[in-house]
Amino acid sequence: YNRFEGWSEKRRRGKNSSPIITEGKHEAIISLEMWEKVKALFAKKS
């Protein structure tokens, strides 16, 4: 949550460097291993 902050005031460049990231109360669709694998692949490609 709070990935963007001041989005409208900063001309769409209001990325927050420290968003809230926590374990959710909902059930996951994919495993954490799959998430980490895809995240690493995306970081490598992008």
ModelCIF file with pLDDT and N, C-alpha, C, O atoms, coordinates in Angstrom:
data_MODEL
#
_entry.id   MODEL 
#
_entity.id                         1 
_entity.type                       polymer 
_entity.pdbx_number_of_molecules   1 
#
_entity_poly.entity_id                      1 
_entity_poly.type                           'polypeptide(L)' 
_entity_poly.nstd_linkage                   no 
_entity_poly.nstd_monomer                   no 
_entity_poly.pdbx_seq_one_letter_code       YNRFEGWSEKRRRGKNSSPIITEGKHEAIISLEMWEKVKALFAKKS 
_entity_poly.pdbx_seq_one_letter_code_can   YNRFEGWSEKRRRGKNSSPIITEGKHEAIISLEMWEKVKALFAKKS 
_entity_poly.pdbx_strand_id                 A 
#
loop_
_entity_poly_seq.entity_id 
_entity_poly_seq.num 
_entity_poly_seq.mon_id 
_entity_poly_seq.hetero 
1 1  TYR n 
1 2  ASN n 
1 3  ARG n 
1 4  PHE n 
1 5  GLU n 
1 6  GLY n 
1 7  TRP n 
1 8  SER n 
1 9  GLU n 
1 10 LYS n 
1 11 ARG n 
1 12 ARG n 
1 13 ARG n 
1 14 GLY n 
1 15 LYS n 
1 16 ASN n 
1 17 SER n 
1 18 SER n 
1 19 PRO n 
1 20 ILE n 
1 21 ILE n 
1 22 THR n 
1 23 GLU n 
1 24 GLY n 
1 25 LYS n 
1 26 HIS n 
1 27 GLU n 
1 28 ALA n 
1 29 ILE n 
1 30 ILE n 
1 31 SER n 
1 32 LEU n 
1 33 GLU n 
1 34 MET n 
1 35 TRP n 
1 36 GLU n 
1 37 LYS n 
1 38 VAL n 
1 39 LYS n 
1 40 ALA n 
1 41 LEU n 
1 42 PHE n 
1 43 ALA n 
1 44 LYS n 
1 45 LYS n 
1 46 SER n 
#
_struct_asym.id          A 
_struct_asym.entity_id   1 
#
loop_
_ma_qa_metric.id 
_ma_qa_metric.mode 
_ma_qa_metric.name 
_ma_qa_metric.software_group_id 
_ma_qa_metric.type 
1 global pLDDT . pLDDT 
2 local  pLDDT . pLDDT 
#
_ma_qa_metric_global.metric_id      1 
_ma_qa_metric_global.metric_value   80.76 
_ma_qa_metric_global.model_id       1 
_ma_qa_metric_global.ordinal_id     1 
#
loop_
_ma_qa_metric_local.label_asym_id 
_ma_qa_metric_local.label_comp_id 
_ma_qa_metric_local.label_seq_id 
_ma_qa_metric_local.metric_id 
_ma_qa_metric_local.metric_value 
_ma_qa_metric_local.model_id 
_ma_qa_metric_local.ordinal_id 
A TYR 1  2 83.00 1 1  
A ASN 2  2 79.00 1 2  
A ARG 3  2 76.00 1 3  
A PHE 4  2 74.00 1 4  
A GLU 5  2 70.00 1 5  
A GLY 6  2 66.00 1 6  
A TRP 7  2 59.00 1 7  
A SER 8  2 59.00 1 8  
A GLU 9  2 62.00 1 9  
A LYS 10 2 58.00 1 10 
A ARG 11 2 58.00 1 11 
A ARG 12 2 59.00 1 12 
A ARG 13 2 65.00 1 13 
A GLY 14 2 63.00 1 14 
A LYS 15 2 74.00 1 15 
A ASN 16 2 72.00 1 16 
A SER 17 2 74.00 1 17 
A SER 18 2 79.00 1 18 
A PRO 19 2 79.00 1 19 
A ILE 20 2 82.00 1 20 
A ILE 21 2 84.00 1 21 
A THR 22 2 87.00 1 22 
A GLU 23 2 89.00 1 23 
A GLY 24 2 85.00 1 24 
A LYS 25 2 85.00 1 25 
A HIS 26 2 88.00 1 26 
A GLU 27 2 90.00 1 27 
A ALA 28 2 91.00 1 28 
A ILE 29 2 93.00 1 29 
A ILE 30 2 93.00 1 30 
A SER 31 2 93.00 1 31 
A LEU 32 2 92.00 1 32 
A GLU 33 2 93.00 1 33 
A MET 34 2 93.00 1 34 
A TRP 35 2 92.00 1 35 
A GLU 36 2 93.00 1 36 
A LYS 37 2 93.00 1 37 
A VAL 38 2 92.00 1 38 
A LYS 39 2 91.00 1 39 
A ALA 40 2 92.00 1 40 
A LEU 41 2 92.00 1 41 
A PHE 42 2 91.00 1 42 
A ALA 43 2 88.00 1 43 
A LYS 44 2 87.00 1 44 
A LYS 45 2 82.00 1 45 
A SER 46 2 75.00 1 46 
#
loop_
_atom_site.group_PDB 
_atom_site.id 
_atom_site.type_symbol 
_atom_site.label_atom_id 
_atom_site.label_alt_id 
_atom_site.label_comp_id 
_atom_site.label_asym_id 
_atom_site.label_entity_id 
_atom_site.label_seq_id 
_atom_site.pdbx_PDB_ins_code 
_atom_site.Cartn_x 
_atom_site.Cartn_y 
_atom_site.Cartn_z 
_atom_site.occupancy 
_atom_site.B_iso_or_equiv 
_atom_site.pdbx_formal_charge 
_atom_site.auth_seq_id 
_atom_site.auth_comp_id 
_atom_site.auth_asym_id 
_atom_site.auth_atom_id 
_atom_site.pdbx_PDB_model_num 
ATOM 1   N N  . TYR A 1 1  ? 0.832  -1.193  0.000   1.00 83.00 ? 1  TYR A N  1 
ATOM 2   C CA . TYR A 1 1  ? 0.000  0.000   0.000   1.00 83.00 ? 1  TYR A CA 1 
ATOM 3   C C  . TYR A 1 1  ? 0.870  1.247   0.000   1.00 83.00 ? 1  TYR A C  1 
ATOM 4   O O  . TYR A 1 1  ? 1.978  1.244   0.537   1.00 83.00 ? 1  TYR A O  1 
ATOM 5   N N  . ASN A 1 2  ? 0.370  2.291   -0.595  1.00 79.00 ? 2  ASN A N  1 
ATOM 6   C CA . ASN A 1 2  ? 1.031  3.595   -0.625  1.00 79.00 ? 2  ASN A CA 1 
ATOM 7   C C  . ASN A 1 2  ? 2.260  3.567   -1.546  1.00 79.00 ? 2  ASN A C  1 
ATOM 8   O O  . ASN A 1 2  ? 3.301  4.147   -1.240  1.00 79.00 ? 2  ASN A O  1 
ATOM 9   N N  . ARG A 1 3  ? 2.108  2.881   -2.673  1.00 76.00 ? 3  ARG A N  1 
ATOM 10  C CA . ARG A 1 3  ? 3.191  2.802   -3.660  1.00 76.00 ? 3  ARG A CA 1 
ATOM 11  C C  . ARG A 1 3  ? 3.452  4.173   -4.276  1.00 76.00 ? 3  ARG A C  1 
ATOM 12  O O  . ARG A 1 3  ? 4.587  4.501   -4.620  1.00 76.00 ? 3  ARG A O  1 
ATOM 13  N N  . PHE A 1 4  ? 2.395  4.969   -4.411  1.00 74.00 ? 4  PHE A N  1 
ATOM 14  C CA . PHE A 1 4  ? 2.525  6.322   -4.941  1.00 74.00 ? 4  PHE A CA 1 
ATOM 15  C C  . PHE A 1 4  ? 2.035  7.309   -3.887  1.00 74.00 ? 4  PHE A C  1 
ATOM 16  O O  . PHE A 1 4  ? 1.049  7.056   -3.194  1.00 74.00 ? 4  PHE A O  1 
ATOM 17  N N  . GLU A 1 5  ? 2.727  8.422   -3.777  1.00 70.00 ? 5  GLU A N  1 
ATOM 18  C CA . GLU A 1 5  ? 2.359  9.439   -2.803  1.00 70.00 ? 5  GLU A CA 1 
ATOM 19  C C  . GLU A 1 5  ? 2.471  10.800  -3.472  1.00 70.00 ? 5  GLU A C  1 
ATOM 20  O O  . GLU A 1 5  ? 3.471  11.085  -4.132  1.00 70.00 ? 5  GLU A O  1 
ATOM 21  N N  . GLY A 1 6  ? 1.463  11.638  -3.311  1.00 66.00 ? 6  GLY A N  1 
ATOM 22  C CA . GLY A 1 6  ? 1.490  12.941  -3.942  1.00 66.00 ? 6  GLY A CA 1 
ATOM 23  C C  . GLY A 1 6  ? 1.499  12.839  -5.456  1.00 66.00 ? 6  GLY A C  1 
ATOM 24  O O  . GLY A 1 6  ? 2.119  13.653  -6.140  1.00 66.00 ? 6  GLY A O  1 
ATOM 25  N N  . TRP A 1 7  ? 0.806  11.830  -5.976  1.00 59.00 ? 7  TRP A N  1 
ATOM 26  C CA . TRP A 1 7  ? 0.802  11.512  -7.406  1.00 59.00 ? 7  TRP A CA 1 
ATOM 27  C C  . TRP A 1 7  ? 0.307  12.688  -8.236  1.00 59.00 ? 7  TRP A C  1 
ATOM 28  O O  . TRP A 1 7  ? 0.886  12.988  -9.280  1.00 59.00 ? 7  TRP A O  1 
ATOM 29  N N  . SER A 1 8  ? -0.743 13.352  -7.799  1.00 59.00 ? 8  SER A N  1 
ATOM 30  C CA . SER A 1 8  ? -1.301 14.452  -8.599  1.00 59.00 ? 8  SER A CA 1 
ATOM 31  C C  . SER A 1 8  ? -0.475 15.727  -8.471  1.00 59.00 ? 8  SER A C  1 
ATOM 32  O O  . SER A 1 8  ? -0.410 16.511  -9.418  1.00 59.00 ? 8  SER A O  1 
ATOM 33  N N  . GLU A 1 9  ? 0.151  15.946  -7.329  1.00 62.00 ? 9  GLU A N  1 
ATOM 34  C CA . GLU A 1 9  ? 0.952  17.163  -7.143  1.00 62.00 ? 9  GLU A CA 1 
ATOM 35  C C  . GLU A 1 9  ? 2.315  17.062  -7.807  1.00 62.00 ? 9  GLU A C  1 
ATOM 36  O O  . GLU A 1 9  ? 2.888  18.080  -8.198  1.00 62.00 ? 9  GLU A O  1 
ATOM 37  N N  . LYS A 1 10 ? 2.836  15.868  -7.940  1.00 58.00 ? 10 LYS A N  1 
ATOM 38  C CA . LYS A 1 10 ? 4.191  15.687  -8.467  1.00 58.00 ? 10 LYS A CA 1 
ATOM 39  C C  . LYS A 1 10 ? 4.192  15.306  -9.946  1.00 58.00 ? 10 LYS A C  1 
ATOM 40  O O  . LYS A 1 10 ? 5.144  14.695  -10.432 1.00 58.00 ? 10 LYS A O  1 
ATOM 41  N N  . ARG A 1 11 ? 3.145  15.659  -10.644 1.00 58.00 ? 11 ARG A N  1 
ATOM 42  C CA . ARG A 1 11 ? 3.040  15.398  -12.087 1.00 58.00 ? 11 ARG A CA 1 
ATOM 43  C C  . ARG A 1 11 ? 3.283  13.938  -12.429 1.00 58.00 ? 11 ARG A C  1 
ATOM 44  O O  . ARG A 1 11 ? 4.088  13.620  -13.304 1.00 58.00 ? 11 ARG A O  1 
ATOM 45  N N  . ARG A 1 12 ? 2.584  13.057  -11.735 1.00 59.00 ? 12 ARG A N  1 
ATOM 46  C CA . ARG A 1 12 ? 2.624  11.619  -11.978 1.00 59.00 ? 12 ARG A CA 1 
ATOM 47  C C  . ARG A 1 12 ? 3.991  10.992  -11.705 1.00 59.00 ? 12 ARG A C  1 
ATOM 48  O O  . ARG A 1 12 ? 4.307  9.937   -12.255 1.00 59.00 ? 12 ARG A O  1 
ATOM 49  N N  . ARG A 1 13 ? 4.796  11.625  -10.868 1.00 65.00 ? 13 ARG A N  1 
ATOM 50  C CA . ARG A 1 13 ? 6.092  11.072  -10.537 1.00 65.00 ? 13 ARG A CA 1 
ATOM 51  C C  . ARG A 1 13 ? 6.228  10.869  -9.033  1.00 65.00 ? 13 ARG A C  1 
ATOM 52  O O  . ARG A 1 13 ? 7.341  10.900  -8.506  1.00 65.00 ? 13 ARG A O  1 
ATOM 53  N N  . GLY A 1 14 ? 5.142  10.668  -8.351  1.00 63.00 ? 14 GLY A N  1 
ATOM 54  C CA . GLY A 1 14 ? 5.156  10.575  -6.903  1.00 63.00 ? 14 GLY A CA 1 
ATOM 55  C C  . GLY A 1 14 ? 5.359  9.174   -6.364  1.00 63.00 ? 14 GLY A C  1 
ATOM 56  O O  . GLY A 1 14 ? 4.585  8.724   -5.519  1.00 63.00 ? 14 GLY A O  1 
ATOM 57  N N  . LYS A 1 15 ? 6.398  8.463   -6.837  1.00 74.00 ? 15 LYS A N  1 
ATOM 58  C CA . LYS A 1 15 ? 6.665  7.118   -6.319  1.00 74.00 ? 15 LYS A CA 1 
ATOM 59  C C  . LYS A 1 15 ? 7.178  7.209   -4.893  1.00 74.00 ? 15 LYS A C  1 
ATOM 60  O O  . LYS A 1 15 ? 8.058  8.012   -4.585  1.00 74.00 ? 15 LYS A O  1 
ATOM 61  N N  . ASN A 1 16 ? 6.621  6.381   -4.033  1.00 72.00 ? 16 ASN A N  1 
ATOM 62  C CA . ASN A 1 16 ? 7.030  6.338   -2.635  1.00 72.00 ? 16 ASN A CA 1 
ATOM 63  C C  . ASN A 1 16 ? 8.157  5.313   -2.494  1.00 72.00 ? 16 ASN A C  1 
ATOM 64  O O  . ASN A 1 16 ? 8.011  4.168   -2.920  1.00 72.00 ? 16 ASN A O  1 
ATOM 65  N N  . SER A 1 17 ? 9.266  5.718   -1.903  1.00 74.00 ? 17 SER A N  1 
ATOM 66  C CA . SER A 1 17 ? 10.410 4.809   -1.771  1.00 74.00 ? 17 SER A CA 1 
ATOM 67  C C  . SER A 1 17 ? 10.210 3.764   -0.674  1.00 74.00 ? 17 SER A C  1 
ATOM 68  O O  . SER A 1 17 ? 10.916 2.756   -0.641  1.00 74.00 ? 17 SER A O  1 
ATOM 69  N N  . SER A 1 18 ? 9.255  3.998   0.219   1.00 79.00 ? 18 SER A N  1 
ATOM 70  C CA . SER A 1 18 ? 9.022  3.019   1.291   1.00 79.00 ? 18 SER A CA 1 
ATOM 71  C C  . SER A 1 18 ? 7.524  2.763   1.492   1.00 79.00 ? 18 SER A C  1 
ATOM 72  O O  . SER A 1 18 ? 6.937  3.223   2.472   1.00 79.00 ? 18 SER A O  1 
ATOM 73  N N  . PRO A 1 19 ? 6.904  2.017   0.548   1.00 79.00 ? 19 PRO A N  1 
ATOM 74  C CA . PRO A 1 19 ? 5.482  1.695   0.723   1.00 79.00 ? 19 PRO A CA 1 
ATOM 75  C C  . PRO A 1 19 ? 5.290  0.692   1.864   1.00 79.00 ? 19 PRO A C  1 
ATOM 76  O O  . PRO A 1 19 ? 6.243  0.055   2.314   1.00 79.00 ? 19 PRO A O  1 
ATOM 77  N N  . ILE A 1 20 ? 4.065  0.565   2.315   1.00 82.00 ? 20 ILE A N  1 
ATOM 78  C CA . ILE A 1 20 ? 3.733  -0.413  3.356   1.00 82.00 ? 20 ILE A CA 1 
ATOM 79  C C  . ILE A 1 20 ? 3.638  -1.779  2.688   1.00 82.00 ? 20 ILE A C  1 
ATOM 80  O O  . ILE A 1 20 ? 2.843  -1.970  1.768   1.00 82.00 ? 20 ILE A O  1 
ATOM 81  N N  . ILE A 1 21 ? 4.448  -2.728  3.151   1.00 84.00 ? 21 ILE A N  1 
ATOM 82  C CA . ILE A 1 21 ? 4.418  -4.093  2.627   1.00 84.00 ? 21 ILE A CA 1 
ATOM 83  C C  . ILE A 1 21 ? 4.313  -5.024  3.821   1.00 84.00 ? 21 ILE A C  1 
ATOM 84  O O  . ILE A 1 21 ? 5.180  -5.027  4.695   1.00 84.00 ? 21 ILE A O  1 
ATOM 85  N N  . THR A 1 22 ? 3.249  -5.815  3.855   1.00 87.00 ? 22 THR A N  1 
ATOM 86  C CA . THR A 1 22 ? 3.014  -6.706  4.985   1.00 87.00 ? 22 THR A CA 1 
ATOM 87  C C  . THR A 1 22 ? 2.281  -7.967  4.527   1.00 87.00 ? 22 THR A C  1 
ATOM 88  O O  . THR A 1 22 ? 1.719  -8.010  3.433   1.00 87.00 ? 22 THR A O  1 
ATOM 89  N N  . GLU A 1 23 ? 2.297  -8.972  5.365   1.00 89.00 ? 23 GLU A N  1 
ATOM 90  C CA . GLU A 1 23 ? 1.577  -10.215 5.057   1.00 89.00 ? 23 GLU A CA 1 
ATOM 91  C C  . GLU A 1 23 ? 0.084  -9.940  5.076   1.00 89.00 ? 23 GLU A C  1 
ATOM 92  O O  . GLU A 1 23 ? -0.437 -9.328  6.009   1.00 89.00 ? 23 GLU A O  1 
ATOM 93  N N  . GLY A 1 24 ? -0.598 -10.399 4.035   1.00 85.00 ? 24 GLY A N  1 
ATOM 94  C CA . GLY A 1 24 ? -2.023 -10.145 3.895   1.00 85.00 ? 24 GLY A CA 1 
ATOM 95  C C  . GLY A 1 24 ? -2.886 -11.151 4.636   1.00 85.00 ? 24 GLY A C  1 
ATOM 96  O O  . GLY A 1 24 ? -2.436 -12.238 5.000   1.00 85.00 ? 24 GLY A O  1 
ATOM 97  N N  . LYS A 1 25 ? -4.136 -10.764 4.849   1.00 85.00 ? 25 LYS A N  1 
ATOM 98  C CA . LYS A 1 25 ? -5.111 -11.643 5.495   1.00 85.00 ? 25 LYS A CA 1 
ATOM 99  C C  . LYS A 1 25 ? -5.840 -12.505 4.462   1.00 85.00 ? 25 LYS A C  1 
ATOM 100 O O  . LYS A 1 25 ? -6.730 -13.278 4.815   1.00 85.00 ? 25 LYS A O  1 
ATOM 101 N N  . HIS A 1 26 ? -5.466 -12.373 3.198   1.00 88.00 ? 26 HIS A N  1 
ATOM 102 C CA . HIS A 1 26 ? -6.124 -13.126 2.136   1.00 88.00 ? 26 HIS A CA 1 
ATOM 103 C C  . HIS A 1 26 ? -5.252 -14.309 1.709   1.00 88.00 ? 26 HIS A C  1 
ATOM 104 O O  . HIS A 1 26 ? -4.054 -14.367 1.990   1.00 88.00 ? 26 HIS A O  1 
ATOM 105 N N  . GLU A 1 27 ? -5.897 -15.239 1.025   1.00 90.00 ? 27 GLU A N  1 
ATOM 106 C CA . GLU A 1 27 ? -5.203 -16.435 0.538   1.00 90.00 ? 27 GLU A CA 1 
ATOM 107 C C  . GLU A 1 27 ? -4.420 -16.100 -0.733  1.00 90.00 ? 27 GLU A C  1 
ATOM 108 O O  . GLU A 1 27 ? -4.906 -15.364 -1.592  1.00 90.00 ? 27 GLU A O  1 
ATOM 109 N N  . ALA A 1 28 ? -3.226 -16.633 -0.845  1.00 91.00 ? 28 ALA A N  1 
ATOM 110 C CA . ALA A 1 28 ? -2.386 -16.392 -2.016  1.00 91.00 ? 28 ALA A CA 1 
ATOM 111 C C  . ALA A 1 28 ? -2.827 -17.269 -3.189  1.00 91.00 ? 28 ALA A C  1 
ATOM 112 O O  . ALA A 1 28 ? -3.308 -18.386 -2.997  1.00 91.00 ? 28 ALA A O  1 
ATOM 113 N N  . ILE A 1 29 ? -2.656 -16.751 -4.394  1.00 93.00 ? 29 ILE A N  1 
ATOM 114 C CA . ILE A 1 29 ? -2.944 -17.525 -5.599  1.00 93.00 ? 29 ILE A CA 1 
ATOM 115 C C  . ILE A 1 29 ? -1.688 -18.266 -6.048  1.00 93.00 ? 29 ILE A C  1 
ATOM 116 O O  . ILE A 1 29 ? -1.761 -19.397 -6.528  1.00 93.00 ? 29 ILE A O  1 
ATOM 117 N N  . ILE A 1 30 ? -0.538 -17.618 -5.887  1.00 93.00 ? 30 ILE A N  1 
ATOM 118 C CA . ILE A 1 30 ? 0.732  -18.250 -6.267  1.00 93.00 ? 30 ILE A CA 1 
ATOM 119 C C  . ILE A 1 30 ? 1.607  -18.411 -5.028  1.00 93.00 ? 30 ILE A C  1 
ATOM 120 O O  . ILE A 1 30 ? 1.387  -17.755 -4.010  1.00 93.00 ? 30 ILE A O  1 
ATOM 121 N N  . SER A 1 31 ? 2.588  -19.277 -5.125  1.00 93.00 ? 31 SER A N  1 
ATOM 122 C CA . SER A 1 31 ? 3.485  -19.515 -3.987  1.00 93.00 ? 31 SER A CA 1 
ATOM 123 C C  . SER A 1 31 ? 4.518  -18.386 -3.884  1.00 93.00 ? 31 SER A C  1 
ATOM 124 O O  . SER A 1 31 ? 4.764  -17.664 -4.849  1.00 93.00 ? 31 SER A O  1 
ATOM 125 N N  . LEU A 1 32 ? 5.103  -18.254 -2.718  1.00 92.00 ? 32 LEU A N  1 
ATOM 126 C CA . LEU A 1 32 ? 6.165  -17.259 -2.524  1.00 92.00 ? 32 LEU A CA 1 
ATOM 127 C C  . LEU A 1 32 ? 7.368  -17.567 -3.409  1.00 92.00 ? 32 LEU A C  1 
ATOM 128 O O  . LEU A 1 32 ? 8.041  -16.655 -3.887  1.00 92.00 ? 32 LEU A O  1 
ATOM 129 N N  . GLU A 1 33 ? 7.638  -18.857 -3.626  1.00 93.00 ? 33 GLU A N  1 
ATOM 130 C CA . GLU A 1 33 ? 8.752  -19.243 -4.491  1.00 93.00 ? 33 GLU A CA 1 
ATOM 131 C C  . GLU A 1 33 ? 8.518  -18.749 -5.917  1.00 93.00 ? 33 GLU A C  1 
ATOM 132 O O  . GLU A 1 33 ? 9.426  -18.209 -6.548  1.00 93.00 ? 33 GLU A O  1 
ATOM 133 N N  . MET A 1 34 ? 7.298  -18.934 -6.421  1.00 93.00 ? 34 MET A N  1 
ATOM 134 C CA . MET A 1 34 ? 6.957  -18.467 -7.765  1.00 93.00 ? 34 MET A CA 1 
ATOM 135 C C  . MET A 1 34 ? 7.068  -16.941 -7.821  1.00 93.00 ? 34 MET A C  1 
ATOM 136 O O  . MET A 1 34 ? 7.593  -16.387 -8.787  1.00 93.00 ? 34 MET A O  1 
ATOM 137 N N  . TRP A 1 35 ? 6.570  -16.266 -6.781  1.00 92.00 ? 35 TRP A N  1 
ATOM 138 C CA . TRP A 1 35 ? 6.637  -14.800 -6.726  1.00 92.00 ? 35 TRP A CA 1 
ATOM 139 C C  . TRP A 1 35 ? 8.090  -14.324 -6.788  1.00 92.00 ? 35 TRP A C  1 
ATOM 140 O O  . TRP A 1 35 ? 8.411  -13.407 -7.544  1.00 92.00 ? 35 TRP A O  1 
ATOM 141 N N  . GLU A 1 36 ? 8.957  -14.940 -6.002  1.00 93.00 ? 36 GLU A N  1 
ATOM 142 C CA . GLU A 1 36 ? 10.376 -14.546 -5.977  1.00 93.00 ? 36 GLU A CA 1 
ATOM 143 C C  . GLU A 1 36 ? 11.048 -14.823 -7.321  1.00 93.00 ? 36 GLU A C  1 
ATOM 144 O O  . GLU A 1 36 ? 11.860 -14.024 -7.787  1.00 93.00 ? 36 GLU A O  1 
ATOM 145 N N  . LYS A 1 37 ? 10.711 -15.951 -7.941  1.00 93.00 ? 37 LYS A N  1 
ATOM 146 C CA . LYS A 1 37 ? 11.292 -16.305 -9.241  1.00 93.00 ? 37 LYS A CA 1 
ATOM 147 C C  . LYS A 1 37 ? 10.892 -15.280 -10.304 1.00 93.00 ? 37 LYS A C  1 
ATOM 148 O O  . LYS A 1 37 ? 11.739 -14.798 -11.056 1.00 93.00 ? 37 LYS A O  1 
ATOM 149 N N  . VAL A 1 38 ? 9.606  -14.951 -10.364 1.00 92.00 ? 38 VAL A N  1 
ATOM 150 C CA . VAL A 1 38 ? 9.106  -13.998 -11.354 1.00 92.00 ? 38 VAL A CA 1 
ATOM 151 C C  . VAL A 1 38 ? 9.653  -12.597 -11.072 1.00 92.00 ? 38 VAL A C  1 
ATOM 152 O O  . VAL A 1 38 ? 10.005 -11.865 -11.998 1.00 92.00 ? 38 VAL A O  1 
ATOM 153 N N  . LYS A 1 39 ? 9.723  -12.236 -9.813  1.00 91.00 ? 39 LYS A N  1 
ATOM 154 C CA . LYS A 1 39 ? 10.263 -10.920 -9.425  1.00 91.00 ? 39 LYS A CA 1 
ATOM 155 C C  . LYS A 1 39 ? 11.725 -10.793 -9.870  1.00 91.00 ? 39 LYS A C  1 
ATOM 156 O O  . LYS A 1 39 ? 12.124 -9.750  -10.390 1.00 91.00 ? 39 LYS A O  1 
ATOM 157 N N  . ALA A 1 40 ? 12.516 -11.836 -9.670  1.00 92.00 ? 40 ALA A N  1 
ATOM 158 C CA . ALA A 1 40 ? 13.928 -11.818 -10.075 1.00 92.00 ? 40 ALA A CA 1 
ATOM 159 C C  . ALA A 1 40 ? 14.055 -11.771 -11.598 1.00 92.00 ? 40 ALA A C  1 
ATOM 160 O O  . ALA A 1 40 ? 14.895 -11.043 -12.128 1.00 92.00 ? 40 ALA A O  1 
ATOM 161 N N  . LEU A 1 41 ? 13.228 -12.541 -12.301 1.00 92.00 ? 41 LEU A N  1 
ATOM 162 C CA . LEU A 1 41 ? 13.241 -12.519 -13.763 1.00 92.00 ? 41 LEU A CA 1 
ATOM 163 C C  . LEU A 1 41 ? 12.886 -11.142 -14.302 1.00 92.00 ? 41 LEU A C  1 
ATOM 164 O O  . LEU A 1 41 ? 13.517 -10.646 -15.236 1.00 92.00 ? 41 LEU A O  1 
ATOM 165 N N  . PHE A 1 42 ? 11.870 -10.531 -13.704 1.00 91.00 ? 42 PHE A N  1 
ATOM 166 C CA . PHE A 1 42 ? 11.440 -9.209  -14.154 1.00 91.00 ? 42 PHE A CA 1 
ATOM 167 C C  . PHE A 1 42 ? 12.535 -8.177  -13.905 1.00 91.00 ? 42 PHE A C  1 
ATOM 168 O O  . PHE A 1 42 ? 12.788 -7.325  -14.757 1.00 91.00 ? 42 PHE A O  1 
ATOM 169 N N  . ALA A 1 43 ? 13.179 -8.246  -12.758 1.00 88.00 ? 43 ALA A N  1 
ATOM 170 C CA . ALA A 1 43 ? 14.260 -7.310  -12.439 1.00 88.00 ? 43 ALA A CA 1 
ATOM 171 C C  . ALA A 1 43 ? 15.428 -7.488  -13.414 1.00 88.00 ? 43 ALA A C  1 
ATOM 172 O O  . ALA A 1 43 ? 16.085 -6.517  -13.788 1.00 88.00 ? 43 ALA A O  1 
ATOM 173 N N  . LYS A 1 44 ? 15.675 -8.710  -13.814 1.00 87.00 ? 44 LYS A N  1 
ATOM 174 C CA . LYS A 1 44 ? 16.763 -9.019  -14.750 1.00 87.00 ? 44 LYS A CA 1 
ATOM 175 C C  . LYS A 1 44 ? 16.453 -8.480  -16.149 1.00 87.00 ? 44 LYS A C  1 
ATOM 176 O O  . LYS A 1 44 ? 17.331 -7.948  -16.828 1.00 87.00 ? 44 LYS A O  1 
ATOM 177 N N  . LYS A 1 45 ? 15.181 -8.626  -16.572 1.00 82.00 ? 45 LYS A N  1 
ATOM 178 C CA . LYS A 1 45 ? 14.779 -8.220  -17.921 1.00 82.00 ? 45 LYS A CA 1 
ATOM 179 C C  . LYS A 1 45 ? 14.486 -6.724  -18.039 1.00 82.00 ? 45 LYS A C  1 
ATOM 180 O O  . LYS A 1 45 ? 14.712 -6.127  -19.092 1.00 82.00 ? 45 LYS A O  1 
ATOM 181 N N  . SER A 1 46 ? 13.986 -6.122  -16.969 1.00 75.00 ? 46 SER A N  1 
ATOM 182 C CA . SER A 1 46 ? 13.499 -4.752  -17.048 1.00 75.00 ? 46 SER A CA 1 
ATOM 183 C C  . SER A 1 46 ? 14.513 -3.759  -16.503 1.00 75.00 ? 46 SER A C  1 
ATOM 184 O O  . SER A 1 46 ? 14.257 -2.555  -16.497 1.00 75.00 ? 46 SER A O  1 
#
